[in-house]
Amino acid sequence: MNMPPRPGQHLPGPHSMPATEAVFADPLVIHAEVDALLAQVGDVSNASGIPQQAKILEQAHDLLVQALATVDKI
């Protein structure tokens, strides 16, 4: 038997989000993590470091995408 949803039950928000995602959505934490990754990029004029730089930038991108997905759930 299908029960109707309770008021507010269908709405996303902190009650439906694990604590780790709530922390992950903190802009200050995200900013600090991206800054730490960007600090590792180093000299962009050195062509031999491009693969490592690309890997670091991809990590920063993934972090931002995950943060946006988390905020979208809130």
C-alpha atoms as a PDB file:
ATOM      1  CA  MET A   1       0.000   0.000   0.000  1.00  0.00           C
ATOM      2  CA  ASN A   2       1.422   3.387  -0.995  1.00  0.00           C
ATOM      3  CA  MET A   3       1.438   5.939   1.761  1.00  0.00           C
ATOM      4  CA  PRO A   4       1.350   9.621   0.839  1.00  0.00           C
ATOM      5  CA  PRO A   5       4.580  11.468   1.599  1.00  0.00           C
ATOM      6  CA  ARG A   6       4.826  13.244   4.903  1.00  0.00           C
ATOM      7  CA  PRO A   7       5.068  17.036   4.794  1.00  0.00           C
ATOM      8  CA  GLY A   8       8.573  18.035   3.784  1.00  0.00           C
ATOM      9  CA  GLN A   9       9.696  14.414   3.347  1.00  0.00           C
ATOM     10  CA  HIS A  10      10.177  14.800  -0.390  1.00  0.00           C
ATOM     11  CA  LEU A  11      12.299  17.914  -0.081  1.00  0.00           C
ATOM     12  CA  PRO A  12      16.068  17.599  -0.184  1.00  0.00           C
ATOM     13  CA  GLY A  13      18.024  19.231   2.553  1.00  0.00           C
ATOM     14  CA  PRO A  14      20.238  18.660   5.577  1.00  0.00           C
ATOM     15  CA  HIS A  15      17.901  15.982   6.962  1.00  0.00           C
ATOM     16  CA  SER A  16      18.428  13.850   3.845  1.00  0.00           C
ATOM     17  CA  MET A  17      22.146  14.510   3.449  1.00  0.00           C
ATOM     18  CA  PRO A  18      24.933  12.612   5.209  1.00  0.00           C
ATOM     19  CA  ALA A  19      27.058  14.725   7.562  1.00  0.00           C
ATOM     20  CA  THR A  20      30.102  14.320   5.304  1.00  0.00           C
ATOM     21  CA  GLU A  21      28.266  15.986   2.427  1.00  0.00           C
ATOM     22  CA  ALA A  22      27.109  18.838   4.666  1.00  0.00           C
ATOM     23  CA  VAL A  23      30.727  19.547   5.588  1.00  0.00           C
ATOM     24  CA  PHE A  24      31.786  19.170   1.962  1.00  0.00           C
ATOM     25  CA  ALA A  25      29.412  21.953   0.946  1.00  0.00           C
ATOM     26  CA  ASP A  26      31.229  24.489   3.166  1.00  0.00           C
ATOM     27  CA  PRO A  27      32.603  27.132   0.771  1.00  0.00           C
ATOM     28  CA  LEU A  28      35.581  27.901   3.004  1.00  0.00           C
ATOM     29  CA  VAL A  29      36.645  24.243   3.031  1.00  0.00           C
ATOM     30  CA  ILE A  30      36.206  23.953  -0.738  1.00  0.00           C
ATOM     31  CA  HIS A  31      38.145  27.162  -1.330  1.00  0.00           C
ATOM     32  CA  ALA A  32      41.009  25.995   0.894  1.00  0.00           C
ATOM     33  CA  GLU A  33      41.191  22.581  -0.812  1.00  0.00           C
ATOM     34  CA  VAL A  34      41.200  24.106  -4.312  1.00  0.00           C
ATOM     35  CA  ASP A  35      43.840  26.654  -3.255  1.00  0.00           C
ATOM     36  CA  ALA A  36      46.015  23.840  -1.905  1.00  0.00           C
ATOM     37  CA  LEU A  37      45.716  21.961  -5.196  1.00  0.00           C
ATOM     38  CA  LEU A  38      46.434  25.056  -7.281  1.00  0.00           C
ATOM     39  CA  ALA A  39      49.535  25.769  -5.174  1.00  0.00           C
ATOM     40  CA  GLN A  40      50.881  22.394  -6.349  1.00  0.00           C
ATOM     41  CA  VAL A  41      50.529  23.285 -10.041  1.00  0.00           C
ATOM     42  CA  GLY A  42      53.787  25.239 -10.069  1.00  0.00           C
ATOM     43  CA  ASP A  43      55.362  26.914 -13.089  1.00  0.00           C
ATOM     44  CA  VAL A  44      53.033  26.617 -16.052  1.00  0.00           C
ATOM     45  CA  SER A  45      55.790  27.509 -18.517  1.00  0.00           C
ATOM     46  CA  ASN A  46      57.593  24.205 -17.880  1.00  0.00           C
ATOM     47  CA  ALA A  47      56.288  21.887 -20.612  1.00  0.00           C
ATOM     48  CA  SER A  48      57.664  18.743 -18.968  1.00  0.00           C
ATOM     49  CA  GLY A  49      55.322  19.205 -16.007  1.00  0.00           C
ATOM     50  CA  ILE A  50      52.143  19.435 -18.071  1.00  0.00           C
ATOM     51  CA  PRO A  51      50.905  15.881 -17.323  1.00  0.00           C
ATOM     52  CA  GLN A  52      51.289  16.424 -13.563  1.00  0.00           C
ATOM     53  CA  GLN A  53      49.667  19.857 -13.807  1.00  0.00           C
ATOM     54  CA  ALA A  54      46.773  18.371 -15.763  1.00  0.00           C
ATOM     55  CA  LYS A  55      46.291  15.723 -13.084  1.00  0.00           C
ATOM     56  CA  ILE A  56      46.207  18.354 -10.321  1.00  0.00           C
ATOM     57  CA  LEU A  57      43.813  20.572 -12.273  1.00  0.00           C
ATOM     58  CA  GLU A  58      41.564  17.573 -12.898  1.00  0.00           C
ATOM     59  CA  GLN A  59      41.500  16.911  -9.140  1.00  0.00           C
ATOM     60  CA  ALA A  60      40.500  20.541  -8.517  1.00  0.00           C
ATOM     61  CA  HIS A  61      37.806  20.242 -11.200  1.00  0.00           C
ATOM     62  CA  ASP A  62      36.448  17.038  -9.667  1.00  0.00           C
ATOM     63  CA  LEU A  63      36.365  18.703  -6.253  1.00  0.00           C
ATOM     64  CA  LEU A  64      34.368  21.632  -7.627  1.00  0.00           C
ATOM     65  CA  VAL A  65      31.984  19.374  -9.550  1.00  0.00           C
ATOM     66  CA  GLN A  66      31.348  17.310  -6.421  1.00  0.00           C
ATOM     67  CA  ALA A  67      30.748  20.499  -4.415  1.00  0.00           C
ATOM     68  CA  LEU A  68      28.241  21.727  -7.003  1.00  0.00           C
ATOM     69  CA  ALA A  69      26.457  18.383  -6.951  1.00  0.00           C
ATOM     70  CA  THR A  70      26.270  18.553  -3.166  1.00  0.00           C
ATOM     71  CA  VAL A  71      24.891  22.092  -3.216  1.00  0.00           C
ATOM     72  CA  ASP A  72      22.378  21.056  -5.858  1.00  0.00           C
ATOM     73  CA  LYS A  73      21.037  18.438  -3.400  1.00  0.00           C
ATOM     74  CA  ILE A  74      20.529  20.991  -0.629  1.00  0.00           C
END
